[in-house]
Amino acid sequence: MIQAKLTLPFELADEVSDALMELGALAVMLEDANADSEDEQPLFGEPGMEPESAAWGLNHVVALFRNRHEGEQILAELDPEALNGVPVEFTEVPQEDWVRLTQSQFDSIPISAKLWIVPSWHTPESADGRINLVLDPGLAFGTGSHPTTALCLRWLSEFPLQGQDVLDYGCGSGILGIAALKLGASEAVGVDIDPQAVESTAYNASNNGVNMPCGLPDFPLAKRQFPVVVANILSNPLKVLAPSLCEHVEAGGQLVLSGVLARQAEEVIAHYRTWIPLSVWAERDGWVCLHGQKAVL
């Protein structure tokens, strides 16, 4: 098999990928061309904000063909003016079991001594005090491998959560709220602007044997204050949401924020200073986790 990759702006990416499928490509997928960089862009909007776009600004269009001859024939049928001389990168792909190959790329992720993220096709290892969070890798939602998610999970695993209620704002896969429940929280509630995230959270919570109510930003169960509020989003939405997030934190409660680059930390801290004083709790791979405690008046 052969894989062909083109890099295209979002105006062309969907059109070209649809055309490739209609012309006979075995499979086509879109990837963020700026993934794992400062220009990485969330595909979905953040809580309280409208989606920025329906696709990434710059996309890798990756198509699979039986052989290079077939790939070149199909690509030749695309509109040459639309592609405007975009280079095509061909890569040989071994004939293998695709499911097993994909699954083999994702191993268990140790977050702390007691918390691990385990894909469902792995057999969780038994160890005294070890908590296994079962979560499969996906395209749209966090799985614990990104530094910001791992930082929030580390904070949750180190904070005494027994008897605490937790709000996971911008929950995505629900990973933070589910982890909080498995770590001893009495309740976790999720909020996200994307209905697919709400469905994903419900599925993952059920798959981990916990109950985590989740809904859109007007979700009734989230309209109160919590001892712990966690939001792993991005710096700009975090600044927009500052009054709302701080209002959700009860007096003496904890606020944990991530999705913030190290160079953005002071700006976000300054934005929250009116409500809750924050500081950098930990840093990893250029990303930070911010933490603060709301004053008791």
Protein backbone atom coordinates (compact mmCIF):
# COMPACT_ATOMS: atom_id res chain seq x y z
CA MET A 1 0.00 0.00 0.00
CA ILE A 2 0.99 3.62 -0.46
CA GLN A 3 0.14 6.72 1.52
CA ALA A 4 -0.06 10.16 -0.10
CA LYS A 5 0.05 13.36 1.95
CA LEU A 6 -0.84 16.87 0.79
CA THR A 7 -0.78 20.04 2.91
CA LEU A 8 -3.76 22.28 2.19
CA PRO A 9 -5.62 25.24 3.73
CA PHE A 10 -9.02 24.48 5.22
CA GLU A 11 -10.81 25.99 2.19
CA LEU A 12 -9.54 23.08 0.08
CA ALA A 13 -9.03 20.26 2.57
CA ASP A 14 -12.64 19.00 2.78
CA GLU A 15 -13.20 19.39 -0.95
CA VAL A 16 -10.05 17.44 -1.85
CA SER A 17 -10.65 14.70 0.73
CA ASP A 18 -14.23 14.17 -0.52
CA ALA A 19 -13.00 14.05 -4.12
CA LEU A 20 -10.33 11.50 -3.27
CA MET A 21 -12.88 9.18 -1.67
CA GLU A 22 -15.22 9.51 -4.65
CA LEU A 23 -12.34 8.72 -7.01
CA GLY A 24 -11.49 5.48 -5.19
CA ALA A 25 -9.01 6.13 -2.39
CA LEU A 26 -9.12 3.38 0.24
CA ALA A 27 -9.24 5.89 3.08
CA VAL A 28 -8.72 9.61 3.63
CA MET A 29 -8.16 11.51 6.86
CA LEU A 30 -7.42 15.09 7.87
CA GLU A 31 -4.75 16.03 10.41
CA ASP A 32 -3.82 19.37 11.94
CA ALA A 33 -0.64 20.39 10.11
CA ASN A 34 0.31 22.51 13.14
CA ALA A 35 -0.26 19.79 15.73
CA ASP A 36 2.14 19.83 18.71
CA SER A 37 3.23 23.40 17.92
CA GLU A 38 2.34 26.82 19.27
CA ASP A 39 -0.05 27.19 16.32
CA GLU A 40 -2.02 24.05 17.19
CA GLN A 41 -5.71 24.85 16.81
CA PRO A 42 -8.70 23.19 18.54
CA LEU A 43 -11.23 21.93 16.01
CA PHE A 44 -14.16 22.63 18.33
CA GLY A 45 -15.02 25.81 20.19
CA GLU A 46 -14.43 26.15 23.91
CA PRO A 47 -17.19 26.45 26.54
CA GLY A 48 -18.97 29.78 26.29
CA MET A 49 -17.53 30.48 22.84
CA GLU A 50 -18.59 29.67 19.31
CA PRO A 51 -16.38 27.26 17.30
CA GLU A 52 -13.61 29.16 15.55
CA SER A 53 -13.91 27.14 12.35
CA ALA A 54 -15.12 23.84 10.97
CA ALA A 55 -11.58 22.69 10.17
CA TRP A 56 -7.99 23.40 11.04
CA GLY A 57 -6.40 26.38 9.32
CA LEU A 58 -3.75 24.19 7.70
CA ASN A 59 -4.41 20.50 7.09
CA HIS A 60 -2.53 17.37 6.12
CA VAL A 61 -4.79 15.41 3.77
CA VAL A 62 -3.61 11.80 4.04
CA ALA A 63 -4.94 9.28 1.51
CA LEU A 64 -4.35 5.53 1.30
CA PHE A 65 -4.06 3.68 -2.04
CA ARG A 66 -3.30 0.10 -3.11
CA ASN A 67 -0.13 1.19 -4.92
CA ARG A 68 1.64 4.31 -6.18
CA HIS A 69 0.34 3.95 -9.73
CA GLU A 70 -3.26 3.98 -8.49
CA GLY A 71 -2.51 6.95 -6.23
CA GLU A 72 -0.92 8.97 -9.02
CA GLN A 73 -3.85 8.21 -11.35
CA ILE A 74 -6.43 9.34 -8.82
CA LEU A 75 -4.48 12.43 -7.81
CA ALA A 76 -4.13 13.37 -11.49
CA GLU A 77 -7.93 13.60 -11.71
CA LEU A 78 -8.06 16.36 -9.10
CA ASP A 79 -8.41 19.95 -10.28
CA PRO A 80 -4.80 21.09 -10.91
CA GLU A 81 -5.74 24.76 -10.50
CA ALA A 82 -7.23 24.07 -7.07
CA LEU A 83 -4.09 22.26 -5.93
CA ASN A 84 -1.88 24.99 -7.39
CA GLY A 85 1.20 22.78 -7.56
CA VAL A 86 0.97 21.48 -3.97
CA PRO A 87 3.63 18.77 -3.58
CA VAL A 88 2.54 15.22 -2.78
CA GLU A 89 4.58 13.10 -0.37
CA PHE A 90 4.30 9.34 -1.02
CA THR A 91 5.21 6.83 1.69
CA GLU A 92 5.21 3.03 1.49
CA VAL A 93 2.87 1.47 4.04
CA PRO A 94 3.41 -2.17 5.08
CA GLN A 95 0.56 -4.66 4.70
CA GLU A 96 -0.40 -5.19 8.31
CA ASP A 97 -3.36 -5.58 10.59
CA TRP A 98 -4.41 -1.91 10.77
CA VAL A 99 -6.33 -2.17 14.00
CA ARG A 100 -3.44 -3.89 15.77
CA LEU A 101 -0.97 -1.41 14.27
CA THR A 102 -2.99 1.57 15.47
CA GLN A 103 -3.52 0.09 18.91
CA SER A 104 0.14 -0.79 19.31
CA GLN A 105 1.05 2.90 19.05
CA PHE A 106 -0.81 3.66 22.27
CA ASP A 107 0.52 2.17 25.48
CA SER A 108 -0.53 2.76 29.07
CA ILE A 109 0.41 6.23 30.35
CA PRO A 110 1.68 6.66 33.91
CA ILE A 111 0.41 9.95 35.34
CA SER A 112 1.62 9.42 38.89
CA ALA A 113 2.53 6.50 41.12
CA LYS A 114 -1.14 5.73 41.70
CA LEU A 115 -2.88 6.91 38.47
CA TRP A 116 -2.48 5.35 35.02
CA ILE A 117 -4.35 5.85 31.72
CA VAL A 118 -4.96 2.44 30.13
CA PRO A 119 -6.36 1.86 26.59
CA SER A 120 -9.25 -0.62 26.62
CA TRP A 121 -7.32 -3.25 24.62
CA HIS A 122 -4.65 -3.45 27.32
CA THR A 123 -5.06 -5.65 30.38
CA PRO A 124 -4.71 -3.29 33.36
CA GLU A 125 -1.91 -4.30 35.70
CA SER A 126 -2.90 -4.92 39.28
CA ALA A 127 -0.88 -3.13 41.91
CA ASP A 128 -1.60 -2.00 45.44
CA GLY A 129 -3.20 1.44 45.35
CA ARG A 130 -2.94 1.79 41.56
CA ILE A 131 -5.94 3.39 39.84
CA ASN A 132 -6.46 2.56 36.16
CA LEU A 133 -8.47 4.98 34.04
CA VAL A 134 -9.66 3.23 30.85
CA LEU A 135 -9.74 5.63 27.92
CA ASP A 136 -9.25 4.97 24.22
CA PRO A 137 -7.32 7.40 22.01
CA GLY A 138 -9.55 9.53 19.78
CA LEU A 139 -9.29 12.36 17.28
CA ALA A 140 -11.19 15.08 19.09
CA PHE A 141 -10.68 14.47 22.78
CA GLY A 142 -7.89 14.28 25.34
CA THR A 143 -6.46 10.95 26.37
CA GLY A 144 -3.85 11.99 28.94
CA SER A 145 -0.90 12.09 26.55
CA HIS A 146 -0.95 15.88 26.05
CA PRO A 147 1.12 17.78 28.64
CA THR A 148 -1.79 19.98 29.74
CA THR A 149 -4.04 17.00 30.46
CA ALA A 150 -1.24 15.14 32.23
CA LEU A 151 -0.50 18.20 34.40
CA CYS A 152 -4.15 18.47 35.50
CA LEU A 153 -4.29 14.75 36.20
CA ARG A 154 -1.14 15.01 38.30
CA TRP A 155 -2.68 17.82 40.34
CA LEU A 156 -5.83 15.78 40.91
CA SER A 157 -3.81 12.74 41.96
CA GLU A 158 -1.84 14.79 44.52
CA PHE A 159 -4.73 16.79 46.00
CA PRO A 160 -6.88 15.12 48.69
CA LEU A 161 -10.15 14.72 46.78
CA GLN A 162 -12.04 12.51 49.23
CA GLY A 163 -15.49 13.97 49.75
CA GLN A 164 -14.89 16.85 47.31
CA ASP A 165 -17.21 17.86 44.43
CA VAL A 166 -15.42 18.69 41.18
CA LEU A 167 -16.46 20.74 38.13
CA ASP A 168 -14.66 19.75 34.91
CA TYR A 169 -15.25 22.78 32.65
CA GLY A 170 -14.48 22.10 29.00
CA CYS A 171 -14.50 18.38 29.77
CA GLY A 172 -13.90 16.95 26.25
CA SER A 173 -13.57 13.23 26.95
CA GLY A 174 -14.43 13.69 30.64
CA ILE A 175 -10.98 12.42 31.57
CA LEU A 176 -10.40 14.90 34.42
CA GLY A 177 -13.78 14.44 36.08
CA ILE A 178 -13.64 10.66 35.72
CA ALA A 179 -10.13 10.61 37.21
CA ALA A 180 -11.35 12.76 40.11
CA LEU A 181 -14.14 10.28 40.85
CA LYS A 182 -11.78 7.31 40.74
CA LEU A 183 -9.41 9.23 43.02
CA GLY A 184 -12.13 9.65 45.66
CA ALA A 185 -14.20 12.72 44.74
CA SER A 186 -17.81 12.42 45.85
CA GLU A 187 -19.17 14.00 42.65
CA ALA A 188 -17.87 15.28 39.32
CA VAL A 189 -19.89 17.33 36.84
CA GLY A 190 -18.79 18.03 33.27
CA VAL A 191 -19.54 21.01 31.03
CA ASP A 192 -18.67 21.44 27.36
CA ILE A 193 -19.96 23.47 24.42
CA ASP A 194 -19.76 20.47 22.06
CA PRO A 195 -22.58 17.88 22.20
CA GLN A 196 -20.16 15.20 21.00
CA ALA A 197 -18.01 15.87 24.07
CA VAL A 198 -21.06 15.37 26.28
CA GLU A 199 -21.71 12.00 24.61
CA SER A 200 -18.05 11.01 24.86
CA THR A 201 -17.97 11.88 28.57
CA ALA A 202 -21.07 9.78 29.25
CA TYR A 203 -19.57 6.81 27.37
CA ASN A 204 -16.19 7.05 29.09
CA ALA A 205 -17.75 7.46 32.52
CA SER A 206 -19.87 4.34 31.99
CA ASN A 207 -16.82 2.47 30.69
CA ASN A 208 -15.01 3.32 33.94
CA GLY A 209 -17.89 2.39 36.20
CA VAL A 210 -18.58 5.92 37.47
CA ASN A 211 -21.47 8.35 37.15
CA MET A 212 -20.49 11.76 35.78
CA PRO A 213 -23.38 14.05 34.77
CA CYS A 214 -22.41 16.25 31.85
CA GLY A 215 -24.09 18.89 29.72
CA LEU A 216 -23.79 22.11 27.76
CA PRO A 217 -22.91 25.40 29.54
CA ASP A 218 -26.53 25.89 30.71
CA PHE A 219 -26.50 22.46 32.39
CA PRO A 220 -28.54 22.86 35.63
CA LEU A 221 -26.28 20.63 37.74
CA ALA A 222 -23.33 22.92 36.97
CA LYS A 223 -25.08 26.10 38.09
CA ARG A 224 -23.57 26.17 41.58
CA GLN A 225 -20.24 26.47 43.35
CA PHE A 226 -17.73 23.64 43.78
CA PRO A 227 -14.78 23.00 46.11
CA VAL A 228 -12.65 22.14 43.03
CA VAL A 229 -12.95 23.58 39.51
CA VAL A 230 -10.67 22.32 36.73
CA ALA A 231 -10.52 23.84 33.24
CA ASN A 232 -8.09 22.53 30.63
CA ILE A 233 -8.84 24.76 27.66
CA LEU A 234 -6.67 27.46 26.02
CA SER A 235 -5.43 30.82 27.28
CA ASN A 236 -7.81 33.08 25.33
CA PRO A 237 -11.01 31.21 26.29
CA LEU A 238 -9.72 31.00 29.87
CA LYS A 239 -9.43 34.79 29.97
CA VAL A 240 -12.95 35.22 28.55
CA LEU A 241 -14.34 32.71 31.04
CA ALA A 242 -12.49 34.13 34.08
CA PRO A 243 -15.51 35.71 35.87
CA SER A 244 -17.68 32.65 35.27
CA LEU A 245 -15.06 30.09 36.29
CA CYS A 246 -14.18 32.01 39.46
CA GLU A 247 -17.86 32.32 40.34
CA HIS A 248 -18.11 28.52 40.19
CA VAL A 249 -15.40 28.18 42.89
CA GLU A 250 -16.73 28.21 46.46
CA ALA A 251 -15.01 30.25 49.18
CA GLY A 252 -11.78 28.45 50.10
CA GLY A 253 -12.07 26.30 46.98
CA GLN A 254 -9.41 25.34 44.43
CA LEU A 255 -9.12 26.54 40.81
CA VAL A 256 -6.88 24.59 38.41
CA LEU A 257 -6.25 25.87 34.88
CA SER A 258 -4.21 24.49 32.01
CA GLY A 259 -3.97 24.77 28.24
CA VAL A 260 -1.63 27.69 28.90
CA LEU A 261 1.83 28.02 27.36
CA ALA A 262 4.61 29.03 29.74
CA ARG A 263 5.01 32.36 27.93
CA GLN A 264 1.28 33.08 28.46
CA ALA A 265 1.24 32.29 32.18
CA GLU A 266 1.79 35.80 33.57
CA GLU A 267 -0.87 37.25 31.28
CA VAL A 268 -3.46 34.70 32.43
CA ILE A 269 -2.44 35.14 36.09
CA ALA A 270 -2.88 38.90 35.78
CA HIS A 271 -6.31 38.41 34.20
CA TYR A 272 -7.52 36.31 37.16
CA ARG A 273 -5.99 38.48 39.89
CA THR A 274 -9.26 40.34 40.49
CA TRP A 275 -11.00 37.13 41.56
CA ILE A 276 -8.47 34.43 42.53
CA PRO A 277 -4.66 34.75 42.87
CA LEU A 278 -2.96 32.12 40.71
CA SER A 279 0.58 30.80 40.43
CA VAL A 280 2.35 28.23 38.27
CA TRP A 281 1.90 24.87 39.96
CA ALA A 282 3.97 22.85 37.44
CA GLU A 283 5.39 23.07 33.92
CA ARG A 284 5.89 20.40 31.26
CA ASP A 285 7.13 20.67 27.67
CA GLY A 286 6.46 24.41 27.52
CA TRP A 287 2.96 24.18 29.03
CA VAL A 288 1.94 25.15 32.56
CA CYS A 289 -0.72 24.25 35.09
CA LEU A 290 -1.96 27.21 37.15
CA HIS A 291 -3.48 26.83 40.61
CA GLY A 292 -5.09 29.16 43.09
CA GLN A 293 -7.35 29.13 46.15
CA LYS A 294 -10.34 31.42 46.48
CA ALA A 295 -10.27 33.64 49.55
CA VAL A 296 -12.63 33.04 52.45
CA LEU A 297 -14.38 36.34 53.15
